[in-house]
Amino acid sequence: QGAYESFVSLNPVHVAHFMHTDDQEGPFCLDKYAMPSKELKDTKDDCIDQLEDVEEQLSQGGPAASRRHAGPLPPMWESLLARLHVDTELQ
């Protein structure tokens, strides 16, 4: 079996479109949709859980203030993280 992964940005228009996926009527309705409705509901629930995690992290100071990974990180990751943590727009 193959795997499929998709990305939905946090742009409100994209989120709204995603949340209407599998509508049975209206402008977002498609004749055929590949994912079963139950599976899509589970996917939406997972997305909401992840967004709640993001909100919690942001309310606690953003990515730079979050707990560090247990154990040492490769030097390249340390360098990337250091640059991300000083990016005030990201925080």
N, C-alpha and C. Protein backbone atom coordinates (compact mmCIF):
# COMPACT_ATOMS: atom_id res chain seq x y z
N GLN A 1 0.83 -1.18 0.00
CA GLN A 1 0.00 0.00 0.00
C GLN A 1 0.86 1.24 0.00
N GLY A 2 0.39 2.26 -0.65
CA GLY A 2 1.11 3.51 -0.69
C GLY A 2 0.67 4.44 0.43
N ALA A 3 1.35 5.54 0.52
CA ALA A 3 1.02 6.54 1.53
C ALA A 3 0.81 7.88 0.83
N TYR A 4 0.01 8.71 1.44
CA TYR A 4 -0.25 10.04 0.89
C TYR A 4 -0.17 11.03 2.03
N GLU A 5 0.49 12.13 1.81
CA GLU A 5 0.57 13.17 2.82
C GLU A 5 0.28 14.49 2.13
N SER A 6 -0.45 15.34 2.82
CA SER A 6 -0.76 16.65 2.25
C SER A 6 -0.47 17.72 3.28
N PHE A 7 -0.54 18.95 2.85
CA PHE A 7 -0.24 20.09 3.69
C PHE A 7 -1.37 21.10 3.56
N VAL A 8 -1.85 21.60 4.68
CA VAL A 8 -2.82 22.70 4.69
C VAL A 8 -2.17 23.84 5.46
N SER A 9 -1.98 24.96 4.80
CA SER A 9 -1.36 26.10 5.48
C SER A 9 -2.35 26.66 6.50
N LEU A 10 -1.89 27.59 7.32
CA LEU A 10 -2.77 28.22 8.30
C LEU A 10 -3.53 29.41 7.73
N ASN A 11 -3.41 29.64 6.43
CA ASN A 11 -4.19 30.68 5.78
C ASN A 11 -5.67 30.36 6.00
N PRO A 12 -6.45 31.30 6.55
CA PRO A 12 -7.86 31.01 6.84
C PRO A 12 -8.67 30.48 5.65
N VAL A 13 -8.36 30.94 4.45
CA VAL A 13 -9.06 30.44 3.26
C VAL A 13 -8.76 28.96 3.04
N HIS A 14 -7.50 28.57 3.23
CA HIS A 14 -7.10 27.17 3.04
C HIS A 14 -7.71 26.28 4.12
N VAL A 15 -7.71 26.77 5.36
CA VAL A 15 -8.29 26.00 6.46
C VAL A 15 -9.79 25.80 6.22
N ALA A 16 -10.47 26.87 5.82
CA ALA A 16 -11.91 26.76 5.55
C ALA A 16 -12.18 25.74 4.45
N HIS A 17 -11.38 25.79 3.40
CA HIS A 17 -11.55 24.83 2.30
C HIS A 17 -11.34 23.40 2.80
N PHE A 18 -10.30 23.19 3.58
CA PHE A 18 -10.03 21.86 4.13
C PHE A 18 -11.18 21.38 5.01
N MET A 19 -11.72 22.28 5.84
CA MET A 19 -12.80 21.88 6.75
C MET A 19 -14.08 21.53 6.00
N HIS A 20 -14.21 22.00 4.76
CA HIS A 20 -15.39 21.65 3.95
C HIS A 20 -15.16 20.41 3.09
N THR A 21 -13.98 19.84 3.16
CA THR A 21 -13.71 18.63 2.39
C THR A 21 -14.72 17.57 2.78
N ASP A 22 -15.28 16.90 1.84
CA ASP A 22 -16.27 15.83 2.04
C ASP A 22 -17.67 16.38 2.30
N ASP A 23 -17.90 17.70 2.04
CA ASP A 23 -19.26 18.21 2.14
C ASP A 23 -20.15 17.42 1.19
N GLN A 24 -21.36 17.16 1.60
CA GLN A 24 -22.30 16.39 0.78
C GLN A 24 -23.10 17.28 -0.17
N GLU A 25 -23.06 18.59 0.07
CA GLU A 25 -23.74 19.55 -0.82
C GLU A 25 -23.05 20.89 -0.70
N GLY A 26 -23.38 21.79 -1.61
CA GLY A 26 -22.80 23.13 -1.58
C GLY A 26 -21.62 23.28 -2.51
N PRO A 27 -20.96 24.46 -2.47
CA PRO A 27 -19.90 24.77 -3.43
C PRO A 27 -18.65 23.90 -3.30
N PHE A 28 -18.45 23.25 -2.16
CA PHE A 28 -17.25 22.43 -1.97
C PHE A 28 -17.50 20.96 -2.27
N CYS A 29 -18.74 20.61 -2.55
CA CYS A 29 -19.11 19.21 -2.77
C CYS A 29 -18.48 18.66 -4.06
N LEU A 30 -17.88 17.49 -3.93
CA LEU A 30 -17.32 16.79 -5.09
C LEU A 30 -18.10 15.49 -5.28
N ASP A 31 -18.22 15.05 -6.52
CA ASP A 31 -18.93 13.79 -6.78
C ASP A 31 -18.23 12.61 -6.14
N LYS A 32 -16.92 12.65 -6.13
CA LYS A 32 -16.16 11.52 -5.61
C LYS A 32 -15.04 12.05 -4.74
N TYR A 33 -14.83 11.39 -3.61
CA TYR A 33 -13.74 11.76 -2.74
C TYR A 33 -13.06 10.48 -2.32
N ALA A 34 -11.73 10.43 -2.36
CA ALA A 34 -11.00 9.19 -2.16
C ALA A 34 -10.96 8.70 -0.72
N MET A 35 -10.97 9.59 0.26
CA MET A 35 -10.85 9.18 1.66
C MET A 35 -12.24 8.96 2.25
N PRO A 36 -12.42 7.85 2.96
CA PRO A 36 -13.72 7.63 3.63
C PRO A 36 -14.00 8.74 4.64
N SER A 37 -15.27 9.08 4.82
CA SER A 37 -15.66 10.17 5.71
C SER A 37 -15.14 9.99 7.12
N LYS A 38 -15.18 8.78 7.66
CA LYS A 38 -14.70 8.52 9.03
C LYS A 38 -13.21 8.83 9.13
N GLU A 39 -12.45 8.42 8.12
CA GLU A 39 -11.01 8.68 8.11
C GLU A 39 -10.73 10.17 8.03
N LEU A 40 -11.51 10.89 7.22
CA LEU A 40 -11.33 12.34 7.10
C LEU A 40 -11.65 13.02 8.43
N LYS A 41 -12.71 12.57 9.11
CA LYS A 41 -13.05 13.13 10.42
C LYS A 41 -11.89 12.92 11.39
N ASP A 42 -11.30 11.73 11.38
CA ASP A 42 -10.15 11.46 12.24
C ASP A 42 -8.99 12.39 11.90
N THR A 43 -8.77 12.62 10.61
CA THR A 43 -7.70 13.52 10.17
C THR A 43 -7.96 14.94 10.65
N LYS A 44 -9.19 15.40 10.51
CA LYS A 44 -9.53 16.74 10.99
C LYS A 44 -9.32 16.84 12.51
N ASP A 45 -9.72 15.80 13.24
CA ASP A 45 -9.52 15.80 14.69
C ASP A 45 -8.04 15.87 15.03
N ASP A 46 -7.21 15.14 14.29
CA ASP A 46 -5.75 15.19 14.50
C ASP A 46 -5.22 16.59 14.24
N CYS A 47 -5.70 17.23 13.18
CA CYS A 47 -5.27 18.60 12.86
C CYS A 47 -5.64 19.56 13.97
N ILE A 48 -6.84 19.44 14.51
CA ILE A 48 -7.27 20.31 15.60
C ILE A 48 -6.38 20.09 16.82
N ASP A 49 -6.07 18.82 17.13
CA ASP A 49 -5.18 18.52 18.25
C ASP A 49 -3.82 19.19 18.06
N GLN A 50 -3.29 19.13 16.84
CA GLN A 50 -1.98 19.73 16.57
C GLN A 50 -2.05 21.25 16.67
N LEU A 51 -3.14 21.85 16.21
CA LEU A 51 -3.29 23.30 16.32
C LEU A 51 -3.39 23.72 17.78
N GLU A 52 -4.04 22.91 18.60
CA GLU A 52 -4.09 23.21 20.04
C GLU A 52 -2.70 23.14 20.65
N ASP A 53 -1.88 22.18 20.20
CA ASP A 53 -0.50 22.08 20.67
C ASP A 53 0.30 23.33 20.28
N VAL A 54 0.09 23.81 19.05
CA VAL A 54 0.78 25.03 18.59
C VAL A 54 0.36 26.21 19.45
N GLU A 55 -0.94 26.34 19.70
CA GLU A 55 -1.43 27.45 20.52
C GLU A 55 -0.80 27.40 21.91
N GLU A 56 -0.71 26.22 22.49
CA GLU A 56 -0.10 26.09 23.81
C GLU A 56 1.37 26.50 23.78
N GLN A 57 2.09 26.05 22.75
CA GLN A 57 3.51 26.41 22.64
C GLN A 57 3.66 27.92 22.49
N LEU A 58 2.83 28.55 21.66
CA LEU A 58 2.93 30.00 21.46
C LEU A 58 2.59 30.76 22.73
N SER A 59 1.61 30.27 23.48
CA SER A 59 1.24 30.96 24.72
C SER A 59 2.31 30.84 25.79
N GLN A 60 3.23 29.89 25.61
CA GLN A 60 4.33 29.70 26.56
C GLN A 60 5.64 30.29 26.07
N GLY A 61 5.57 31.18 25.08
CA GLY A 61 6.77 31.87 24.64
C GLY A 61 7.28 31.49 23.27
N GLY A 62 6.63 30.58 22.59
CA GLY A 62 7.03 30.22 21.24
C GLY A 62 8.04 29.08 21.19
N PRO A 63 8.49 28.76 19.98
CA PRO A 63 9.38 27.62 19.79
C PRO A 63 10.68 27.70 20.60
N ALA A 64 11.24 28.89 20.74
CA ALA A 64 12.52 29.02 21.44
C ALA A 64 12.38 28.68 22.92
N ALA A 65 11.19 28.88 23.48
CA ALA A 65 10.98 28.63 24.91
C ALA A 65 10.53 27.19 25.19
N SER A 66 10.26 26.44 24.13
CA SER A 66 9.77 25.07 24.34
C SER A 66 10.90 24.17 24.84
N ARG A 67 10.50 23.05 25.40
CA ARG A 67 11.49 22.10 25.91
C ARG A 67 12.40 21.63 24.78
N ARG A 68 13.62 21.45 25.12
CA ARG A 68 14.59 20.96 24.15
C ARG A 68 14.46 19.46 23.98
N HIS A 69 14.93 19.00 22.87
CA HIS A 69 14.99 17.58 22.56
C HIS A 69 15.91 16.89 23.56
N ALA A 70 15.50 15.75 24.06
CA ALA A 70 16.36 15.00 25.00
C ALA A 70 17.58 14.47 24.25
N GLY A 71 18.74 14.75 24.77
CA GLY A 71 19.96 14.27 24.16
C GLY A 71 20.57 15.29 23.22
N PRO A 72 21.78 15.03 22.81
CA PRO A 72 22.49 15.98 21.93
C PRO A 72 21.89 15.98 20.52
N LEU A 73 21.99 17.13 19.89
CA LEU A 73 21.54 17.28 18.52
C LEU A 73 22.75 17.40 17.61
N PRO A 74 22.61 16.98 16.36
CA PRO A 74 23.71 17.18 15.41
C PRO A 74 24.03 18.66 15.28
N PRO A 75 25.29 19.01 15.06
CA PRO A 75 25.69 20.43 14.95
C PRO A 75 24.87 21.22 13.93
N MET A 76 24.50 20.60 12.81
CA MET A 76 23.72 21.30 11.80
C MET A 76 22.36 21.72 12.38
N TRP A 77 21.73 20.82 13.15
CA TRP A 77 20.44 21.14 13.77
C TRP A 77 20.61 22.26 14.80
N GLU A 78 21.68 22.19 15.58
CA GLU A 78 21.94 23.25 16.57
C GLU A 78 22.03 24.60 15.88
N SER A 79 22.72 24.64 14.75
CA SER A 79 22.90 25.88 14.00
C SER A 79 21.55 26.38 13.46
N LEU A 80 20.77 25.48 12.87
CA LEU A 80 19.47 25.87 12.34
C LEU A 80 18.54 26.37 13.44
N LEU A 81 18.50 25.65 14.56
CA LEU A 81 17.65 26.06 15.67
C LEU A 81 18.07 27.41 16.23
N ALA A 82 19.37 27.64 16.33
CA ALA A 82 19.85 28.92 16.85
C ALA A 82 19.36 30.07 15.97
N ARG A 83 19.42 29.90 14.65
CA ARG A 83 18.96 30.95 13.74
C ARG A 83 17.44 31.13 13.82
N LEU A 84 16.71 30.04 13.97
CA LEU A 84 15.26 30.14 14.10
C LEU A 84 14.87 30.84 15.40
N HIS A 85 15.58 30.55 16.47
CA HIS A 85 15.22 31.12 17.77
C HIS A 85 15.45 32.63 17.86
N VAL A 86 16.34 33.16 17.04
CA VAL A 86 16.56 34.61 17.07
C VAL A 86 15.64 35.34 16.09
N ASP A 87 14.87 34.62 15.32
CA ASP A 87 13.92 35.21 14.37
C ASP A 87 12.67 35.64 15.14
N THR A 88 12.56 36.94 15.44
CA THR A 88 11.46 37.42 16.29
C THR A 88 10.10 37.23 15.62
N GLU A 89 10.03 37.27 14.31
CA GLU A 89 8.75 37.05 13.63
C GLU A 89 8.28 35.60 13.81
N LEU A 90 9.21 34.67 13.85
CA LEU A 90 8.86 33.27 14.05
C LEU A 90 8.39 33.03 15.47
N GLN A 91 9.00 33.70 16.42
CA GLN A 91 8.64 33.52 17.82
C GLN A 91 7.30 34.14 18.10
